[in-house]
N, C-alpha and C. Protein backbone atom coordinates (compact mmCIF):
# COMPACT_ATOMS: atom_id res chain seq x y z
N MET A 1 -76.62 -120.21 234.00
CA MET A 1 -77.37 -120.84 233.43
C MET A 1 -76.75 -122.66 233.89
N LYS A 2 -78.08 -123.67 234.38
CA LYS A 2 -76.99 -124.48 234.27
C LYS A 2 -76.57 -125.75 233.46
N MET A 3 -75.79 -126.52 232.70
CA MET A 3 -75.77 -127.30 231.72
C MET A 3 -76.29 -128.73 231.83
N ASN A 4 -76.77 -129.34 230.65
CA ASN A 4 -77.20 -130.50 231.37
C ASN A 4 -76.43 -131.57 230.76
N LEU A 5 -76.44 -132.66 230.74
CA LEU A 5 -75.71 -133.88 230.69
C LEU A 5 -75.25 -133.56 229.09
N ARG A 6 -76.05 -133.28 228.50
CA ARG A 6 -75.97 -133.04 226.94
C ARG A 6 -74.95 -132.35 226.85
N GLN A 7 -74.89 -131.10 227.13
CA GLN A 7 -74.02 -129.91 226.86
C GLN A 7 -72.51 -130.17 227.66
N LYS A 8 -72.86 -130.76 229.04
CA LYS A 8 -71.66 -131.48 229.20
C LYS A 8 -70.54 -132.50 228.66
N PHE A 9 -71.51 -133.56 227.92
CA PHE A 9 -70.83 -134.26 227.25
C PHE A 9 -70.39 -133.48 225.72
N ILE A 10 -70.95 -132.84 225.25
CA ILE A 10 -70.33 -132.05 224.21
C ILE A 10 -69.00 -130.96 224.09
N GLN A 11 -69.07 -130.53 225.37
CA GLN A 11 -67.98 -129.77 226.02
C GLN A 11 -66.44 -130.25 226.29
N ALA A 12 -67.27 -131.42 226.85
CA ALA A 12 -65.62 -132.64 226.91
C ALA A 12 -65.68 -132.97 225.76
N GLY A 13 -66.15 -133.31 224.59
CA GLY A 13 -65.92 -133.79 223.27
C GLY A 13 -65.33 -132.79 222.61
N CYS A 14 -65.61 -131.52 222.71
CA CYS A 14 -64.70 -130.42 221.89
C CYS A 14 -63.20 -130.10 222.92
N GLU A 15 -63.28 -130.13 223.92
CA GLU A 15 -61.96 -130.19 224.76
C GLU A 15 -61.05 -131.31 224.35
N ALA A 16 -61.50 -132.56 223.82
CA ALA A 16 -60.52 -133.42 224.00
C ALA A 16 -60.22 -133.14 222.62
N LEU A 17 -61.00 -132.63 221.69
CA LEU A 17 -60.86 -132.87 219.86
C LEU A 17 -59.45 -131.73 220.05
N LEU A 18 -59.16 -130.72 221.16
CA LEU A 18 -58.63 -129.67 220.87
C LEU A 18 -57.02 -130.44 221.94
N ILE A 19 -56.87 -131.52 222.80
CA ILE A 19 -56.16 -131.69 223.71
C ILE A 19 -55.16 -133.15 222.99
N ILE A 20 -56.34 -133.69 222.51
CA ILE A 20 -55.39 -134.98 221.46
C ILE A 20 -54.39 -134.89 220.55
N PRO A 21 -55.08 -133.91 219.44
CA PRO A 21 -53.88 -133.32 218.44
C PRO A 21 -52.48 -132.55 219.25
N THR A 22 -53.14 -131.85 220.13
CA THR A 22 -52.26 -131.09 220.35
C THR A 22 -51.12 -131.85 221.13
N THR A 23 -51.55 -132.85 222.05
CA THR A 23 -50.67 -134.14 222.69
C THR A 23 -49.73 -134.71 221.62
N VAL A 24 -50.37 -135.20 220.49
CA VAL A 24 -49.76 -135.94 219.81
C VAL A 24 -48.82 -135.09 219.13
N ILE A 25 -49.29 -134.07 218.60
CA ILE A 25 -47.82 -133.17 218.03
C ILE A 25 -46.95 -132.49 219.08
N VAL A 26 -47.01 -132.39 220.12
CA VAL A 26 -45.62 -132.28 221.36
C VAL A 26 -44.99 -133.21 221.27
N ALA A 27 -45.66 -135.12 221.54
CA ALA A 27 -45.34 -135.57 221.41
C ALA A 27 -43.84 -136.07 220.63
N PHE A 28 -44.59 -135.49 219.13
CA PHE A 28 -43.81 -135.86 217.93
C PHE A 28 -42.66 -135.05 217.91
N LEU A 29 -42.78 -134.18 218.55
CA LEU A 29 -42.12 -132.88 217.97
C LEU A 29 -40.99 -133.22 219.55
N PHE A 30 -41.24 -133.72 220.45
CA PHE A 30 -40.45 -133.54 221.50
C PHE A 30 -39.25 -135.08 221.09
N ASN A 31 -40.08 -135.83 220.53
CA ASN A 31 -39.46 -137.78 219.99
C ASN A 31 -38.52 -137.09 218.65
N HIS A 32 -38.97 -136.05 217.91
CA HIS A 32 -37.79 -135.48 217.07
C HIS A 32 -36.66 -135.49 217.24
N PHE A 33 -36.77 -133.80 218.66
CA PHE A 33 -35.74 -133.14 219.04
C PHE A 33 -35.14 -133.83 220.10
N TYR A 34 -35.33 -134.67 220.67
CA TYR A 34 -34.74 -135.84 222.01
C TYR A 34 -33.59 -136.79 221.19
N GLN A 35 -32.72 -136.52 222.02
CA GLN A 35 -31.22 -137.24 221.35
C GLN A 35 -31.30 -138.73 221.38
N HIS A 36 -32.68 -139.29 222.25
CA HIS A 36 -32.39 -140.59 222.17
C HIS A 36 -34.11 -140.74 221.58
N GLY A 37 -33.90 -140.14 220.47
CA GLY A 37 -35.70 -140.35 220.19
C GLY A 37 -35.64 -141.88 219.52
N ILE A 38 -36.91 -142.47 219.66
CA ILE A 38 -37.57 -143.26 219.39
C ILE A 38 -37.73 -143.09 217.18
N PRO A 39 -37.27 -144.12 216.35
CA PRO A 39 -37.20 -143.69 215.09
C PRO A 39 -39.28 -143.89 214.28
N ILE A 40 -39.65 -142.84 213.70
CA ILE A 40 -40.87 -142.91 213.68
C ILE A 40 -40.44 -144.58 212.87
N ILE A 41 -40.12 -144.52 211.61
CA ILE A 41 -40.21 -145.38 210.68
C ILE A 41 -38.86 -146.49 211.13
N ALA A 42 -39.12 -147.62 211.66
CA ALA A 42 -38.21 -148.41 212.11
C ALA A 42 -36.81 -148.78 210.62
N ARG A 43 -35.91 -148.90 211.27
CA ARG A 43 -34.95 -149.12 210.47
C ARG A 43 -34.67 -150.42 210.20
N GLU A 44 -34.71 -151.08 209.02
CA GLU A 44 -34.38 -152.11 208.82
C GLU A 44 -32.96 -152.75 208.64
N ARG A 45 -32.52 -153.26 209.22
CA ARG A 45 -30.86 -153.85 208.51
C ARG A 45 -30.93 -155.45 208.17
N PRO A 46 -30.36 -155.23 206.83
CA PRO A 46 -30.29 -156.59 206.36
C PRO A 46 -29.22 -157.34 206.68
N ILE A 47 -29.63 -158.70 206.80
CA ILE A 47 -28.58 -159.57 207.13
C ILE A 47 -28.51 -160.61 206.26
N ALA A 48 -26.96 -160.76 205.48
CA ALA A 48 -26.87 -162.05 204.74
C ALA A 48 -26.54 -163.13 205.41
N ILE A 49 -26.93 -164.21 204.53
CA ILE A 49 -26.73 -165.54 205.55
C ILE A 49 -25.24 -166.23 204.73
N ASP A 50 -24.21 -166.17 205.27
CA ASP A 50 -22.92 -166.75 205.09
C ASP A 50 -22.95 -168.58 204.95
N SER A 51 -23.67 -169.22 204.30
CA SER A 51 -23.23 -170.34 203.86
C SER A 51 -22.31 -171.15 203.59
N THR A 52 -21.29 -170.23 202.93
CA THR A 52 -19.95 -170.59 202.59
C THR A 52 -19.04 -170.77 203.60
N MET A 53 -19.12 -169.97 204.84
CA MET A 53 -18.06 -170.11 205.60
C MET A 53 -17.65 -171.48 206.19
N SER A 54 -16.36 -171.84 206.21
CA SER A 54 -15.61 -172.63 206.82
C SER A 54 -15.87 -172.60 208.16
N ILE A 55 -15.70 -173.70 208.78
CA ILE A 55 -16.23 -174.47 210.33
C ILE A 55 -15.19 -174.26 210.64
N SER A 56 -14.03 -174.25 210.23
CA SER A 56 -12.73 -173.90 210.62
C SER A 56 -12.53 -172.59 210.27
N ILE A 57 -12.85 -171.79 211.30
CA ILE A 57 -13.13 -170.31 210.72
C ILE A 57 -11.47 -169.60 211.79
N GLU A 58 -10.54 -168.52 211.02
CA GLU A 58 -9.94 -168.20 211.28
C GLU A 58 -10.31 -166.79 211.36
N THR A 59 -9.58 -165.56 211.62
CA THR A 59 -10.55 -164.54 212.01
C THR A 59 -10.28 -163.91 209.93
N SER A 60 -11.49 -163.77 209.82
CA SER A 60 -12.07 -163.26 208.34
C SER A 60 -12.21 -162.02 208.53
N ILE A 61 -12.26 -161.19 207.51
CA ILE A 61 -12.68 -159.71 207.71
C ILE A 61 -14.18 -159.97 206.59
N ILE A 62 -15.22 -159.19 207.35
CA ILE A 62 -16.84 -158.90 207.06
C ILE A 62 -16.97 -157.45 206.82
N GLN A 63 -17.56 -157.59 205.75
CA GLN A 63 -18.12 -155.96 205.46
C GLN A 63 -19.17 -155.78 206.53
N GLU A 64 -20.42 -156.89 207.23
CA GLU A 64 -21.22 -156.53 207.54
C GLU A 64 -21.42 -157.98 208.40
N PRO A 65 -22.30 -158.03 209.53
CA PRO A 65 -22.49 -159.32 210.70
C PRO A 65 -23.56 -160.02 209.26
N MET A 66 -23.30 -161.19 209.30
CA MET A 66 -24.28 -161.61 208.73
C MET A 66 -24.51 -163.05 209.33
N ALA A 67 -25.88 -163.75 209.16
CA ALA A 67 -26.48 -164.69 209.94
C ALA A 67 -25.89 -166.00 209.35
N ILE A 68 -25.84 -167.07 210.50
CA ILE A 68 -25.06 -167.77 210.69
C ILE A 68 -25.94 -169.17 210.45
N PRO A 69 -25.89 -170.24 209.63
CA PRO A 69 -27.02 -171.25 209.72
C PRO A 69 -26.96 -171.76 211.45
N LEU A 70 -28.18 -172.32 211.59
CA LEU A 70 -27.94 -173.62 213.03
C LEU A 70 -26.82 -174.46 213.19
N ALA A 71 -26.99 -174.99 211.65
CA ALA A 71 -26.53 -176.13 211.71
C ALA A 71 -24.77 -175.80 212.10
N GLN A 72 -24.09 -175.18 211.59
CA GLN A 72 -22.63 -174.00 211.88
C GLN A 72 -22.63 -173.78 212.92
N ALA A 73 -23.53 -173.19 213.37
CA ALA A 73 -23.11 -172.57 214.55
C ALA A 73 -23.30 -173.91 215.72
N TYR A 74 -23.88 -174.56 215.58
CA TYR A 74 -23.96 -175.31 216.41
C TYR A 74 -22.67 -176.30 216.41
N GLN A 75 -21.90 -176.77 215.09
CA GLN A 75 -20.48 -177.03 214.62
C GLN A 75 -19.76 -176.04 215.49
N LEU A 76 -19.48 -174.86 215.73
CA LEU A 76 -18.69 -174.29 216.14
C LEU A 76 -19.02 -174.04 217.38
N PHE A 77 -20.18 -174.40 218.00
CA PHE A 77 -20.56 -174.53 219.27
C PHE A 77 -19.42 -175.83 219.96
N GLN A 78 -19.67 -177.14 219.36
CA GLN A 78 -19.01 -178.32 219.45
C GLN A 78 -17.69 -177.82 219.57
N THR A 79 -17.20 -177.66 219.21
CA THR A 79 -15.42 -177.08 218.26
C THR A 79 -15.13 -175.80 219.08
N ARG A 80 -15.76 -175.05 220.47
CA ARG A 80 -15.21 -174.25 220.43
C ARG A 80 -14.83 -172.93 220.04
N GLN A 81 -15.29 -172.98 218.90
CA GLN A 81 -14.43 -171.75 218.00
C GLN A 81 -14.82 -170.77 218.16
N ALA A 82 -16.25 -170.29 218.69
CA ALA A 82 -17.05 -168.79 218.66
C ALA A 82 -17.61 -168.51 220.46
N LEU A 83 -17.79 -167.38 220.46
CA LEU A 83 -18.45 -166.85 221.87
C LEU A 83 -19.36 -166.52 221.51
N PHE A 84 -20.33 -167.17 221.76
CA PHE A 84 -22.17 -166.87 222.07
C PHE A 84 -22.38 -165.90 222.86
N LEU A 85 -23.16 -165.08 222.10
CA LEU A 85 -23.29 -163.51 223.06
C LEU A 85 -25.17 -163.73 223.14
N ASP A 86 -26.08 -163.69 224.39
CA ASP A 86 -27.31 -163.92 224.43
C ASP A 86 -27.58 -162.35 224.33
N ALA A 87 -28.46 -162.02 223.88
CA ALA A 87 -28.96 -160.57 223.42
C ALA A 87 -30.11 -160.51 224.65
N ARG A 88 -30.98 -161.57 225.15
CA ARG A 88 -32.24 -161.64 226.06
C ARG A 88 -32.15 -160.90 227.49
N SER A 89 -32.99 -160.84 228.16
CA SER A 89 -32.76 -160.44 229.17
C SER A 89 -32.44 -161.25 230.21
N LEU A 90 -31.93 -160.45 231.39
CA LEU A 90 -31.38 -161.86 232.49
C LEU A 90 -32.13 -162.68 232.62
N GLU A 91 -33.10 -162.75 233.33
CA GLU A 91 -34.82 -163.33 233.90
C GLU A 91 -34.86 -164.48 232.61
N VAL A 92 -34.71 -163.94 231.17
CA VAL A 92 -34.96 -165.14 230.00
C VAL A 92 -33.53 -165.71 230.11
N TYR A 93 -32.37 -165.23 230.23
CA TYR A 93 -31.30 -165.97 230.35
C TYR A 93 -31.24 -167.22 231.44
N GLU A 94 -31.60 -166.97 232.36
CA GLU A 94 -31.34 -167.90 233.58
C GLU A 94 -32.28 -168.93 233.73
N PHE A 95 -33.36 -168.88 232.98
CA PHE A 95 -34.30 -169.55 232.35
C PHE A 95 -33.92 -170.72 231.35
N GLY A 96 -32.68 -170.15 230.61
CA GLY A 96 -32.07 -171.50 229.85
C GLY A 96 -31.64 -170.37 228.55
N HIS A 97 -30.28 -171.06 228.57
CA HIS A 97 -29.59 -170.36 226.94
C HIS A 97 -28.29 -171.46 226.78
N ILE A 98 -27.81 -170.92 225.42
CA ILE A 98 -26.85 -171.97 225.22
C ILE A 98 -25.33 -172.14 226.55
N PRO A 99 -25.01 -173.19 226.43
CA PRO A 99 -23.97 -173.67 227.28
C PRO A 99 -22.80 -172.51 226.97
N GLY A 100 -22.28 -171.76 227.88
CA GLY A 100 -21.19 -171.22 228.13
C GLY A 100 -21.45 -169.57 227.13
N ALA A 101 -22.55 -169.33 226.85
CA ALA A 101 -23.12 -168.43 226.50
C ALA A 101 -23.13 -167.16 227.46
N ARG A 102 -22.53 -165.70 227.06
CA ARG A 102 -22.69 -164.80 227.69
C ARG A 102 -23.76 -163.75 227.84
N LEU A 103 -24.48 -163.12 228.75
CA LEU A 103 -25.24 -162.53 228.86
C LEU A 103 -24.95 -161.06 228.59
N PHE A 104 -25.61 -160.56 227.16
CA PHE A 104 -25.31 -159.26 227.16
C PHE A 104 -26.45 -158.56 226.80
N THR A 105 -27.11 -158.10 227.39
CA THR A 105 -28.57 -158.03 227.74
C THR A 105 -28.62 -156.91 226.41
N TRP A 106 -29.57 -156.39 225.23
CA TRP A 106 -29.57 -155.72 224.60
C TRP A 106 -30.84 -155.35 224.64
N ASN A 107 -31.03 -153.65 225.02
CA ASN A 107 -32.48 -152.67 224.75
C ASN A 107 -32.65 -151.96 224.35
N ASN A 108 -31.57 -151.04 223.99
CA ASN A 108 -31.68 -149.97 223.13
C ASN A 108 -30.60 -149.73 222.59
N PRO A 109 -30.66 -149.55 221.03
CA PRO A 109 -29.29 -149.53 220.64
C PRO A 109 -29.01 -148.01 220.55
N GLU A 110 -30.08 -147.04 221.18
CA GLU A 110 -29.03 -145.72 221.36
C GLU A 110 -28.48 -145.28 222.59
N THR A 111 -28.78 -146.35 223.87
CA THR A 111 -27.97 -146.44 224.88
C THR A 111 -26.69 -146.64 225.20
N PRO A 112 -25.80 -145.90 225.23
CA PRO A 112 -24.53 -146.61 225.34
C PRO A 112 -24.44 -147.76 226.32
N VAL A 113 -23.65 -148.40 225.45
CA VAL A 113 -23.19 -149.75 226.10
C VAL A 113 -22.02 -150.19 226.57
N GLU A 114 -21.15 -150.69 227.42
CA GLU A 114 -19.67 -150.90 227.60
C GLU A 114 -19.56 -152.42 227.39
N ILE A 115 -18.72 -152.79 226.56
CA ILE A 115 -18.46 -153.86 226.12
C ILE A 115 -17.29 -154.24 227.30
N PRO A 116 -17.31 -155.79 227.38
CA PRO A 116 -16.08 -155.90 228.32
C PRO A 116 -14.89 -156.32 227.43
N GLU A 117 -14.11 -155.41 228.30
CA GLU A 117 -12.21 -155.61 227.65
C GLU A 117 -11.75 -157.32 227.31
N THR A 118 -12.96 -158.08 228.25
CA THR A 118 -12.20 -159.77 228.05
C THR A 118 -12.95 -159.71 226.69
N ILE A 119 -13.96 -159.39 226.17
CA ILE A 119 -13.90 -160.14 224.50
C ILE A 119 -12.86 -159.35 223.95
N ASP A 120 -12.46 -160.60 222.88
CA ASP A 120 -11.32 -160.31 222.02
C ASP A 120 -11.87 -159.74 220.93
N LYS A 121 -11.37 -158.81 220.03
CA LYS A 121 -11.99 -158.22 218.99
C LYS A 121 -11.68 -159.33 217.81
N GLN A 122 -10.59 -160.08 218.04
CA GLN A 122 -10.29 -160.51 216.74
C GLN A 122 -11.10 -162.13 216.67
N GLN A 123 -11.98 -162.62 217.70
CA GLN A 123 -12.80 -163.53 218.30
C GLN A 123 -13.92 -163.95 217.38
N LEU A 124 -14.47 -164.74 216.94
CA LEU A 124 -15.65 -165.27 215.85
C LEU A 124 -17.04 -165.11 217.13
N ILE A 125 -16.94 -164.27 217.28
CA ILE A 125 -19.10 -163.81 217.87
C ILE A 125 -20.33 -164.05 217.17
N ILE A 126 -20.84 -165.07 217.81
CA ILE A 126 -22.22 -165.29 217.36
C ILE A 126 -23.15 -164.70 218.53
N THR A 127 -24.27 -163.79 217.93
CA THR A 127 -25.07 -163.26 218.78
C THR A 127 -26.23 -163.86 218.55
N TYR A 128 -27.06 -164.07 219.49
CA TYR A 128 -28.63 -164.61 219.43
C TYR A 128 -29.34 -164.11 220.35
N CYS A 129 -30.94 -164.41 219.86
CA CYS A 129 -31.91 -164.22 221.12
C CYS A 129 -33.24 -164.86 221.21
N SER A 130 -34.10 -164.42 221.02
CA SER A 130 -35.50 -165.53 221.03
C SER A 130 -35.76 -166.10 219.64
N ASP A 131 -35.90 -165.60 218.85
CA ASP A 131 -36.64 -166.19 217.38
C ASP A 131 -36.39 -165.12 216.43
N GLU A 132 -36.71 -165.57 214.92
CA GLU A 132 -36.82 -164.73 213.90
C GLU A 132 -37.45 -163.44 214.27
N THR A 133 -38.40 -163.32 215.33
CA THR A 133 -38.71 -162.05 215.23
C THR A 133 -38.25 -160.86 216.12
N CYS A 134 -37.27 -161.31 216.97
CA CYS A 134 -36.09 -160.55 218.29
C CYS A 134 -35.18 -159.97 217.07
N ASP A 135 -34.98 -158.78 216.97
CA ASP A 135 -34.15 -158.01 216.34
C ASP A 135 -33.20 -157.31 217.49
N LYS A 136 -32.97 -158.10 218.34
CA LYS A 136 -31.57 -157.86 219.40
C LYS A 136 -30.27 -158.27 219.15
N SER A 137 -30.48 -159.58 219.00
CA SER A 137 -29.02 -159.99 217.94
C SER A 137 -28.54 -159.55 216.92
N ILE A 138 -29.74 -158.81 216.21
CA ILE A 138 -29.23 -157.97 214.92
C ILE A 138 -28.39 -156.64 215.20
N GLU A 139 -29.22 -155.73 216.35
CA GLU A 139 -28.77 -154.71 216.39
C GLU A 139 -27.88 -154.91 217.62
N LEU A 140 -27.10 -155.91 218.35
CA LEU A 140 -26.07 -156.07 218.88
C LEU A 140 -24.66 -156.42 218.11
N ALA A 141 -25.00 -157.17 217.09
CA ALA A 141 -24.38 -157.73 216.28
C ALA A 141 -23.43 -156.33 215.23
N TYR A 142 -24.63 -155.59 215.01
CA TYR A 142 -24.04 -154.25 214.09
C TYR A 142 -23.28 -153.18 215.30
N PHE A 143 -23.88 -153.31 216.58
CA PHE A 143 -22.96 -152.55 217.53
C PHE A 143 -21.63 -153.16 218.01
N LEU A 144 -21.77 -154.44 217.52
CA LEU A 144 -20.25 -154.73 217.85
C LEU A 144 -19.24 -154.37 216.92
N PHE A 145 -19.87 -155.05 215.39
CA PHE A 145 -19.19 -154.80 214.31
C PHE A 145 -18.71 -152.94 214.17
N GLU A 146 -19.88 -152.28 214.52
CA GLU A 146 -19.26 -150.80 214.29
C GLU A 146 -18.11 -150.31 215.52
N ASN A 147 -18.11 -151.35 216.34
CA ASN A 147 -17.12 -150.84 217.33
C ASN A 147 -15.89 -151.77 217.30
N GLY A 148 -15.92 -151.91 216.22
CA GLY A 148 -14.22 -152.96 215.96
C GLY A 148 -14.38 -154.04 215.89
N PHE A 149 -14.82 -154.92 216.26
CA PHE A 149 -15.35 -156.47 216.36
C PHE A 149 -15.64 -156.88 214.58
N GLN A 150 -15.06 -157.06 214.21
CA GLN A 150 -14.83 -158.04 212.58
C GLN A 150 -15.42 -159.02 212.34
N ASN A 151 -15.15 -160.02 212.96
CA ASN A 151 -15.76 -161.29 213.13
C ASN A 151 -17.26 -161.73 213.60
N VAL A 152 -18.30 -161.24 213.18
CA VAL A 152 -19.47 -161.25 214.14
C VAL A 152 -20.59 -161.63 213.43
N ARG A 153 -21.40 -163.06 213.86
CA ARG A 153 -22.15 -163.69 213.18
C ARG A 153 -23.86 -163.66 213.87
N ILE A 154 -25.04 -163.63 213.29
CA ILE A 154 -26.34 -163.70 214.16
C ILE A 154 -26.86 -164.99 213.65
N LEU A 155 -26.97 -165.40 214.93
CA LEU A 155 -27.82 -166.97 215.03
C LEU A 155 -29.37 -166.40 214.84
N TYR A 156 -29.59 -166.12 213.55
CA TYR A 156 -31.04 -165.81 213.12
C TYR A 156 -32.03 -166.48 213.74
N GLU A 157 -31.73 -167.64 213.76
CA GLU A 157 -33.16 -168.46 213.89
C GLU A 157 -33.49 -168.35 216.04
N GLY A 158 -32.27 -168.58 216.52
CA GLY A 158 -31.77 -168.26 217.70
C GLY A 158 -32.38 -168.72 218.90
N TRP A 159 -32.75 -168.45 219.85
CA TRP A 159 -33.16 -169.68 221.04
C TRP A 159 -34.24 -170.49 220.74
N GLU A 160 -35.39 -170.21 220.16
CA GLU A 160 -36.03 -171.07 219.72
C GLU A 160 -36.00 -172.44 218.70
N LYS A 161 -35.29 -172.33 217.93
CA LYS A 161 -34.79 -173.37 216.82
C LYS A 161 -33.48 -173.79 217.17
N TRP A 162 -32.93 -173.31 218.47
CA TRP A 162 -31.61 -173.82 219.03
C TRP A 162 -32.29 -175.17 220.16
N THR A 163 -33.61 -175.00 220.84
CA THR A 163 -34.26 -176.16 221.59
C THR A 163 -35.00 -176.52 220.89
N ALA A 164 -35.67 -176.07 219.59
CA ALA A 164 -35.97 -177.17 218.82
C ALA A 164 -35.27 -178.53 218.15
N ALA A 165 -34.00 -178.13 217.81
CA ALA A 165 -33.25 -179.01 217.34
C ALA A 165 -32.67 -180.52 218.65
N ASN A 166 -33.06 -179.91 219.85
CA ASN A 166 -32.62 -180.78 221.02
C ASN A 166 -31.17 -180.42 221.29
N TYR A 167 -30.54 -179.03 221.26
CA TYR A 167 -29.02 -179.08 221.10
C TYR A 167 -29.08 -178.52 222.69
N PRO A 168 -28.04 -178.85 223.14
CA PRO A 168 -27.69 -178.47 224.87
C PRO A 168 -27.83 -177.21 225.10
N ILE A 169 -28.47 -177.17 226.16
CA ILE A 169 -29.48 -175.89 227.09
C ILE A 169 -28.30 -176.20 228.49
N GLU A 170 -28.40 -174.90 229.47
CA GLU A 170 -27.66 -174.76 230.38
C GLU A 170 -28.78 -173.80 231.13
N LYS A 171 -29.35 -173.94 232.06
CA LYS A 171 -29.94 -172.83 233.24
C LYS A 171 -29.28 -172.14 234.50
N GLY A 172 -29.53 -170.82 234.53
CA GLY A 172 -29.10 -170.11 235.54
C GLY A 172 -27.76 -169.23 235.12
N GLN A 173 -27.24 -168.83 235.91
CA GLN A 173 -26.17 -167.48 235.76
C GLN A 173 -24.82 -168.90 235.03
């Protein structure tokens, strides 16, 4: 017996109703048991603003990475008291970055990353990425902090506010 178009459409719909939920369940199970699975609910990392921080920073032990106001970050940039780490991609970094900032591309907090030995664990480090919606600088700051870097700050406003303030920029590598 030949099926007409309507019957084929109904059969395809029934098959889809079986295949789609099965695929979703298998994907969730794989993700759950996979070592580098993506969290279903995003883990929020609170960041406190360090507005009392002295501009002439010596090494200070903090409990967790804190956000640093743009004006303070700029003063530390001018006095060369901090190492800026750009968490964005190479292409974006080459298009423009804070002068002297080192590229430390941050893609996935679950992927092991080697920290260059040339970065001193006692040095003041300021991480940044594109803007307030970019979490790469926050994840990078926590990664560094969890790996023994005790003086880490986050330029939460990021590159967008830095350029909006007409602070110096550099292009290329």
